[in-house]
C-alpha atoms as a PDB file:
ATOM      1  CA  UNK A   1     148.561  15.086 120.470  1.00  0.00           C
ATOM      2  CA  UNK A   2     148.056  12.981 117.318  1.00  0.00           C
ATOM      3  CA  UNK A   3     144.782  13.798 115.532  1.00  0.00           C
ATOM      4  CA  UNK A   4     142.075  11.131 115.574  1.00  0.00           C
ATOM      5  CA  UNK A   5     141.664  10.008 111.967  1.00  0.00           C
ATOM      6  CA  UNK A   6     138.553   7.934 112.625  1.00  0.00           C
ATOM      7  CA  UNK A   7     136.465  10.093 110.279  1.00  0.00           C
ATOM      8  CA  UNK A   8     138.860  10.328 107.345  1.00  0.00           C
ATOM      9  CA  UNK A   9     136.976   7.873 105.127  1.00  0.00           C
ATOM     10  CA  UNK A  10     140.278   6.595 103.733  1.00  0.00           C
ATOM     11  CA  UNK A  11     138.883   3.116 103.193  1.00  0.00           C
ATOM     12  CA  UNK A  12     136.357   4.367 100.673  1.00  0.00           C
ATOM     13  CA  UNK A  13     133.420   3.994 103.034  1.00  0.00           C
ATOM     14  CA  UNK A  14     131.052   6.899 103.853  1.00  0.00           C
ATOM     15  CA  UNK A  15     132.479   9.283 106.434  1.00  0.00           C
ATOM     16  CA  UNK A  16     131.242   8.505 109.961  1.00  0.00           C
ATOM     17  CA  UNK A  17     128.955  11.394 110.937  1.00  0.00           C
ATOM     18  CA  UNK A  18     129.226  10.781 114.679  1.00  0.00           C
ATOM     19  CA  UNK A  19     132.047  10.981 117.198  1.00  0.00           C
ATOM     20  CA  UNK A  20     134.218   7.880 117.325  1.00  0.00           C
ATOM     21  CA  UNK A  21     136.707   8.812 120.048  1.00  0.00           C
ATOM     22  CA  UNK A  22     135.665   8.112 123.670  1.00  0.00           C
ATOM     23  CA  UNK A  23     133.057  10.383 125.247  1.00  0.00           C
ATOM     24  CA  UNK A  24     134.673  13.161 127.270  1.00  0.00           C
ATOM     25  CA  UNK A  25     138.154  12.685 125.811  1.00  0.00           C
ATOM     26  CA  UNK A  26     139.781  16.031 124.862  1.00  0.00           C
ATOM     27  CA  UNK A  27     140.948  14.953 121.397  1.00  0.00           C
ATOM     28  CA  UNK A  28     140.498  18.448 119.958  1.00  0.00           C
ATOM     29  CA  UNK A  29     140.651  20.506 123.154  1.00  0.00           C
ATOM     30  CA  UNK A  30     143.959  18.878 124.062  1.00  0.00           C
ATOM     31  CA  UNK A  31     145.623  19.504 120.708  1.00  0.00           C
ATOM     32  CA  UNK A  32     147.916  22.537 121.010  1.00  0.00           C
ATOM     33  CA  UNK A  33     147.976  22.907 117.229  1.00  0.00           C
ATOM     34  CA  UNK A  34     144.265  23.738 117.417  1.00  0.00           C
ATOM     35  CA  UNK A  35     143.656  25.319 120.804  1.00  0.00           C
ATOM     36  CA  UNK A  36     147.097  26.733 121.611  1.00  0.00           C
ATOM     37  CA  UNK A  37     147.630  27.552 125.267  1.00  0.00           C
ATOM     38  CA  UNK A  38     144.209  26.120 126.143  1.00  0.00           C
ATOM     39  CA  UNK A  39     145.462  22.603 125.380  1.00  0.00           C
ATOM     40  CA  UNK A  40     147.366  22.278 128.649  1.00  0.00           C
ATOM     41  CA  UNK A  41     144.161  22.991 130.563  1.00  0.00           C
ATOM     42  CA  UNK A  42     142.062  20.426 128.690  1.00  0.00           C
ATOM     43  CA  UNK A  43     139.947  18.346 131.052  1.00  0.00           C
ATOM     44  CA  UNK A  44     138.889  14.775 130.349  1.00  0.00           C
ATOM     45  CA  UNK A  45     135.529  13.683 131.690  1.00  0.00           C
ATOM     46  CA  UNK A  46     135.245   9.962 132.344  1.00  0.00           C
ATOM     47  CA  UNK A  47     131.585   8.873 132.612  1.00  0.00           C
ATOM     48  CA  UNK A  48     132.673   5.700 134.425  1.00  0.00           C
ATOM     49  CA  UNK A  49     134.604   7.511 137.163  1.00  0.00           C
ATOM     50  CA  UNK A  50     132.507   8.915 140.068  1.00  0.00           C
ATOM     51  CA  UNK A  51     134.882  11.792 140.797  1.00  0.00           C
ATOM     52  CA  UNK A  52     135.133  12.752 137.133  1.00  0.00           C
ATOM     53  CA  UNK A  53     131.367  12.524 136.811  1.00  0.00           C
ATOM     54  CA  UNK A  54     130.995  14.882 139.774  1.00  0.00           C
ATOM     55  CA  UNK A  55     133.326  17.339 138.004  1.00  0.00           C
ATOM     56  CA  UNK A  56     131.204  16.986 134.870  1.00  0.00           C
ATOM     57  CA  UNK A  57     128.043  17.803 136.827  1.00  0.00           C
ATOM     58  CA  UNK A  58     129.642  20.939 138.263  1.00  0.00           C
ATOM     59  CA  UNK A  59     130.905  21.967 134.852  1.00  0.00           C
ATOM     60  CA  UNK A  60     127.477  21.497 133.257  1.00  0.00           C
ATOM     61  CA  UNK A  61     125.788  23.536 135.968  1.00  0.00           C
ATOM     62  CA  UNK A  62     128.287  26.391 135.567  1.00  0.00           C
ATOM     63  CA  UNK A  63     128.119  26.111 131.774  1.00  0.00           C
ATOM     64  CA  UNK A  64     124.324  26.377 131.785  1.00  0.00           C
ATOM     65  CA  UNK A  65     124.544  29.548 133.840  1.00  0.00           C
ATOM     66  CA  UNK A  66     127.175  31.218 131.669  1.00  0.00           C
ATOM     67  CA  UNK A  67     126.734  30.567 127.923  1.00  0.00           C
ATOM     68  CA  UNK A  68     124.933  33.698 126.777  1.00  0.00           C
ATOM     69  CA  UNK A  69     127.389  35.802 124.804  1.00  0.00           C
ATOM     70  CA  UNK A  70     130.205  33.303 125.365  1.00  0.00           C
ATOM     71  CA  UNK A  71     133.055  33.874 122.911  1.00  0.00           C
ATOM     72  CA  UNK A  72     135.459  31.167 124.104  1.00  0.00           C
ATOM     73  CA  UNK A  73     134.961  28.243 121.733  1.00  0.00           C
ATOM     74  CA  UNK A  74     137.179  25.943 123.791  1.00  0.00           C
ATOM     75  CA  UNK A  75     135.146  26.732 126.901  1.00  0.00           C
ATOM     76  CA  UNK A  76     131.999  25.827 124.968  1.00  0.00           C
ATOM     77  CA  UNK A  77     133.503  22.544 123.795  1.00  0.00           C
ATOM     78  CA  UNK A  78     134.482  21.701 127.378  1.00  0.00           C
ATOM     79  CA  UNK A  79     130.911  22.315 128.459  1.00  0.00           C
ATOM     80  CA  UNK A  80     129.664  20.125 125.632  1.00  0.00           C
ATOM     81  CA  UNK A  81     132.043  17.351 126.708  1.00  0.00           C
ATOM     82  CA  UNK A  82     130.770  17.590 130.270  1.00  0.00           C
ATOM     83  CA  UNK A  83     127.171  17.345 129.034  1.00  0.00           C
ATOM     84  CA  UNK A  84     127.922  14.238 126.978  1.00  0.00           C
ATOM     85  CA  UNK A  85     129.835  12.533 129.786  1.00  0.00           C
ATOM     86  CA  UNK A  86     127.127  13.321 132.318  1.00  0.00           C
ATOM     87  CA  UNK A  87     124.445  11.863 130.059  1.00  0.00           C
ATOM     88  CA  UNK A  88     126.498   8.713 129.533  1.00  0.00           C
ATOM     89  CA  UNK A  89     127.264   8.372 133.217  1.00  0.00           C
ATOM     90  CA  UNK A  90     123.726   9.028 134.456  1.00  0.00           C
ATOM     91  CA  UNK A  91     122.008   7.071 131.709  1.00  0.00           C
ATOM     92  CA  UNK A  92     119.568   9.692 130.417  1.00  0.00           C
ATOM     93  CA  UNK A  93     119.173  13.386 129.659  1.00  0.00           C
ATOM     94  CA  UNK A  94     116.653  13.724 132.462  1.00  0.00           C
ATOM     95  CA  UNK A  95     118.930  12.148 135.055  1.00  0.00           C
ATOM     96  CA  UNK A  96     121.825  14.286 133.832  1.00  0.00           C
ATOM     97  CA  UNK A  97     119.769  17.467 134.224  1.00  0.00           C
ATOM     98  CA  UNK A  98     118.705  16.460 137.715  1.00  0.00           C
ATOM     99  CA  UNK A  99     122.311  15.712 138.680  1.00  0.00           C
ATOM    100  CA  UNK A 100     123.617  19.015 137.315  1.00  0.00           C
ATOM    101  CA  UNK A 101     120.833  21.140 138.785  1.00  0.00           C
ATOM    102  CA  UNK A 102     120.739  24.900 138.450  1.00  0.00           C
ATOM    103  CA  UNK A 103     119.705  26.096 135.012  1.00  0.00           C
ATOM    104  CA  UNK A 104     120.756  22.907 133.232  1.00  0.00           C
ATOM    105  CA  UNK A 105     117.639  21.623 131.464  1.00  0.00           C
ATOM    106  CA  UNK A 106     117.120  18.451 129.441  1.00  0.00           C
ATOM    107  CA  UNK A 107     116.965  20.501 126.228  1.00  0.00           C
ATOM    108  CA  UNK A 108     120.173  22.366 127.084  1.00  0.00           C
ATOM    109  CA  UNK A 109     122.131  19.197 127.836  1.00  0.00           C
ATOM    110  CA  UNK A 110     120.793  17.399 124.773  1.00  0.00           C
ATOM    111  CA  UNK A 111     121.843  20.220 122.425  1.00  0.00           C
ATOM    112  CA  UNK A 112     125.393  20.465 123.747  1.00  0.00           C
ATOM    113  CA  UNK A 113     125.906  16.709 124.084  1.00  0.00           C
ATOM    114  CA  UNK A 114     125.112  16.493 120.375  1.00  0.00           C
ATOM    115  CA  UNK A 115     127.833  19.050 119.650  1.00  0.00           C
ATOM    116  CA  UNK A 116     130.321  16.864 121.525  1.00  0.00           C
ATOM    117  CA  UNK A 117     129.197  13.928 119.369  1.00  0.00           C
ATOM    118  CA  UNK A 118     130.026  15.677 116.091  1.00  0.00           C
ATOM    119  CA  UNK A 119     132.922  14.133 114.111  1.00  0.00           C
ATOM    120  CA  UNK A 120     136.380  15.496 114.805  1.00  0.00           C
ATOM    121  CA  UNK A 121     136.762  17.252 111.458  1.00  0.00           C
ATOM    122  CA  UNK A 122     133.830  19.510 112.389  1.00  0.00           C
ATOM    123  CA  UNK A 123     134.791  19.958 116.051  1.00  0.00           C
ATOM    124  CA  UNK A 124     138.226  21.181 114.987  1.00  0.00           C
ATOM    125  CA  UNK A 125     136.648  24.045 113.074  1.00  0.00           C
ATOM    126  CA  UNK A 126     134.542  24.874 116.124  1.00  0.00           C
ATOM    127  CA  UNK A 127     137.649  24.970 118.313  1.00  0.00           C
ATOM    128  CA  UNK A 128     139.474  27.194 115.834  1.00  0.00           C
ATOM    129  CA  UNK A 129     136.569  29.625 115.694  1.00  0.00           C
ATOM    130  CA  UNK A 130     135.637  28.905 112.076  1.00  0.00           C
ATOM    131  CA  UNK A 131     132.226  27.570 113.123  1.00  0.00           C
ATOM    132  CA  UNK A 132     130.458  29.264 116.018  1.00  0.00           C
ATOM    133  CA  UNK A 133     129.402  26.864 118.792  1.00  0.00           C
ATOM    134  CA  UNK A 134     125.850  28.181 118.447  1.00  0.00           C
ATOM    135  CA  UNK A 135     125.947  27.209 114.761  1.00  0.00           C
ATOM    136  CA  UNK A 136     127.417  23.813 115.658  1.00  0.00           C
ATOM    137  CA  UNK A 137     124.335  23.128 117.788  1.00  0.00           C
ATOM    138  CA  UNK A 138     122.211  23.314 114.629  1.00  0.00           C
ATOM    139  CA  UNK A 139     124.703  21.329 112.546  1.00  0.00           C
ATOM    140  CA  UNK A 140     124.397  18.592 115.170  1.00  0.00           C
ATOM    141  CA  UNK A 141     120.623  18.465 114.614  1.00  0.00           C
ATOM    142  CA  UNK A 142     121.255  17.115 111.122  1.00  0.00           C
ATOM    143  CA  UNK A 143     122.103  13.446 110.648  1.00  0.00           C
ATOM    144  CA  UNK A 144     124.407  11.557 108.318  1.00  0.00           C
ATOM    145  CA  UNK A 145     126.426  13.052 105.490  1.00  0.00           C
ATOM    146  CA  UNK A 146     124.301  16.211 105.564  1.00  0.00           C
ATOM    147  CA  UNK A 147     126.165  17.180 108.747  1.00  0.00           C
ATOM    148  CA  UNK A 148     129.379  17.623 106.801  1.00  0.00           C
ATOM    149  CA  UNK A 149     127.714  19.538 103.993  1.00  0.00           C
ATOM    150  CA  UNK A 150     125.996  21.964 106.369  1.00  0.00           C
ATOM    151  CA  UNK A 151     129.126  22.444 108.478  1.00  0.00           C
ATOM    152  CA  UNK A 152     131.369  23.040 105.484  1.00  0.00           C
ATOM    153  CA  UNK A 153     128.791  25.421 104.021  1.00  0.00           C
ATOM    154  CA  UNK A 154     129.516  27.623 107.029  1.00  0.00           C
ATOM    155  CA  UNK A 155     133.168  27.700 105.967  1.00  0.00           C
ATOM    156  CA  UNK A 156     132.703  28.124 102.220  1.00  0.00           C
ATOM    157  CA  UNK A 157     129.352  29.899 102.063  1.00  0.00           C
ATOM    158  CA  UNK A 158     129.594  32.134 105.117  1.00  0.00           C
ATOM    159  CA  UNK A 159     126.280  30.971 106.574  1.00  0.00           C
ATOM    160  CA  UNK A 160     125.119  32.796 109.679  1.00  0.00           C
ATOM    161  CA  UNK A 161     123.829  31.005 112.758  1.00  0.00           C
ATOM    162  CA  UNK A 162     120.279  31.910 111.781  1.00  0.00           C
ATOM    163  CA  UNK A 163     120.819  30.485 108.284  1.00  0.00           C
ATOM    164  CA  UNK A 164     122.310  27.267 109.668  1.00  0.00           C
ATOM    165  CA  UNK A 165     119.260  26.901 111.908  1.00  0.00           C
ATOM    166  CA  UNK A 166     116.988  27.406 108.899  1.00  0.00           C
ATOM    167  CA  UNK A 167     118.896  24.881 106.787  1.00  0.00           C
ATOM    168  CA  UNK A 168     118.857  22.293 109.591  1.00  0.00           C
ATOM    169  CA  UNK A 169     115.109  22.713 110.045  1.00  0.00           C
ATOM    170  CA  UNK A 170     114.522  22.349 106.302  1.00  0.00           C
ATOM    171  CA  UNK A 171     116.658  19.203 106.071  1.00  0.00           C
ATOM    172  CA  UNK A 172     114.928  17.652 109.069  1.00  0.00           C
ATOM    173  CA  UNK A 173     111.633  18.510 107.404  1.00  0.00           C
ATOM    174  CA  UNK A 174     112.552  16.411 104.363  1.00  0.00           C
ATOM    175  CA  UNK A 175     114.241  18.924 102.056  1.00  0.00           C
ATOM    176  CA  UNK A 176     117.384  17.536 100.369  1.00  0.00           C
ATOM    177  CA  UNK A 177     120.441  19.185 101.892  1.00  0.00           C
ATOM    178  CA  UNK A 178     121.696  20.479  98.521  1.00  0.00           C
ATOM    179  CA  UNK A 179     118.351  22.185  97.929  1.00  0.00           C
ATOM    180  CA  UNK A 180     118.201  23.612 101.460  1.00  0.00           C
ATOM    181  CA  UNK A 181     121.675  25.095 101.055  1.00  0.00           C
ATOM    182  CA  UNK A 182     120.910  26.409  97.569  1.00  0.00           C
ATOM    183  CA  UNK A 183     117.995  28.349  99.073  1.00  0.00           C
ATOM    184  CA  UNK A 184     120.640  30.272 101.037  1.00  0.00           C
ATOM    185  CA  UNK A 185     122.962  30.825  98.089  1.00  0.00           C
ATOM    186  CA  UNK A 186     125.353  27.947  98.759  1.00  0.00           C
ATOM    187  CA  UNK A 187     126.304  25.562  95.949  1.00  0.00           C
ATOM    188  CA  UNK A 188     127.493  22.305  97.490  1.00  0.00           C
ATOM    189  CA  UNK A 189     131.037  21.495  96.396  1.00  0.00           C
ATOM    190  CA  UNK A 190     131.883  25.017  95.294  1.00  0.00           C
ATOM    191  CA  UNK A 191     134.877  26.672  96.905  1.00  0.00           C
ATOM    192  CA  UNK A 192     137.642  29.078  95.933  1.00  0.00           C
ATOM    193  CA  UNK A 193     141.211  27.883  96.175  1.00  0.00           C
ATOM    194  CA  UNK A 194     144.615  29.392  95.418  1.00  0.00           C
ATOM    195  CA  UNK A 195     147.339  27.444  93.619  1.00  0.00           C
ATOM    196  CA  UNK A 196     151.038  28.175  93.161  1.00  0.00           C
ATOM    197  CA  UNK A 197     151.561  29.772  89.711  1.00  0.00           C
ATOM    198  CA  UNK A 198     153.426  26.738  88.354  1.00  0.00           C
ATOM    199  CA  UNK A 199     150.701  24.319  89.496  1.00  0.00           C
ATOM    200  CA  UNK A 200     148.018  26.594  88.083  1.00  0.00           C
ATOM    201  CA  UNK A 201     149.813  26.761  84.740  1.00  0.00           C
ATOM    202  CA  UNK A 202     150.194  22.989  84.513  1.00  0.00           C
ATOM    203  CA  UNK A 203     146.549  22.455  85.489  1.00  0.00           C
ATOM    204  CA  UNK A 204     145.303  24.816  82.810  1.00  0.00           C
ATOM    205  CA  UNK A 205     147.620  23.283  80.202  1.00  0.00           C
ATOM    206  CA  UNK A 206     146.543  19.714  81.004  1.00  0.00           C
ATOM    207  CA  UNK A 207     142.873  20.680  80.998  1.00  0.00           C
ATOM    208  CA  UNK A 208     143.243  22.269  77.558  1.00  0.00           C
ATOM    209  CA  UNK A 209     145.092  19.265  76.124  1.00  0.00           C
ATOM    210  CA  UNK A 210     142.421  16.910  77.453  1.00  0.00           C
ATOM    211  CA  UNK A 211     139.503  19.142  76.445  1.00  0.00           C
ATOM    212  CA  UNK A 212     138.399  18.995  80.076  1.00  0.00           C
ATOM    213  CA  UNK A 213     137.301  21.475  82.682  1.00  0.00           C
ATOM    214  CA  UNK A 214     139.944  22.186  85.376  1.00  0.00           C
ATOM    215  CA  UNK A 215     137.348  21.198  87.985  1.00  0.00           C
ATOM    216  CA  UNK A 216     137.275  17.679  86.530  1.00  0.00           C
ATOM    217  CA  UNK A 217     141.044  17.306  86.788  1.00  0.00           C
ATOM    218  CA  UNK A 218     141.110  18.649  90.332  1.00  0.00           C
ATOM    219  CA  UNK A 219     138.320  16.279  91.393  1.00  0.00           C
ATOM    220  CA  UNK A 220     140.117  13.345  89.741  1.00  0.00           C
ATOM    221  CA  UNK A 221     143.404  14.180  91.437  1.00  0.00           C
ATOM    222  CA  UNK A 222     141.755  14.638  94.826  1.00  0.00           C
ATOM    223  CA  UNK A 223     139.865  11.350  94.510  1.00  0.00           C
ATOM    224  CA  UNK A 224     143.170   9.567  93.964  1.00  0.00           C
ATOM    225  CA  UNK A 225     144.924  11.448  96.763  1.00  0.00           C
ATOM    226  CA  UNK A 226     142.214  11.138  99.386  1.00  0.00           C
END
């Protein structure tokens, strides 16, 4: 399946911080490069199809009764997709909860529907296990560009679920995201990378000749490439 590039920001505009592919569509779950053997079992939930909506309601009810200790990220993303489709099909979180029944509450459905609405670049890391679904729930609480910074801080700063929750609460309380992350030892934009020896040598040489920091040259090159 071809990746959805709707959040690549290639036109120079800010990256879209919300999902752009259709609700319920298994863009990530159906990509074998990400989910492996799970891809063939990916289910699409169509909020405009009564039978599909019924499947979504059943999935949400089962998901609500079996999330504690869940280690299957793809299973969690499927549950999130069902939540989002059910909300869209029923028209509200309350109606979705009533339709699903069981232990599916408004709060539960809202949290997981938000995970489904995260941009693809973040959902891919959830599917691959780089970001725990429980951490993704807190990433989804944050709006705009801060979503990317918090999500990628999990990758580069090793934030725990509890720390992500704390950062999300701080940001929603008015703390700048860079400051909230710094409070947990994460410097936004800082990551460790490995270069082939020849590339490393040329980078260091060019930086010396230009009296520049290697970081500046890397940032310049990436700006042009991306």
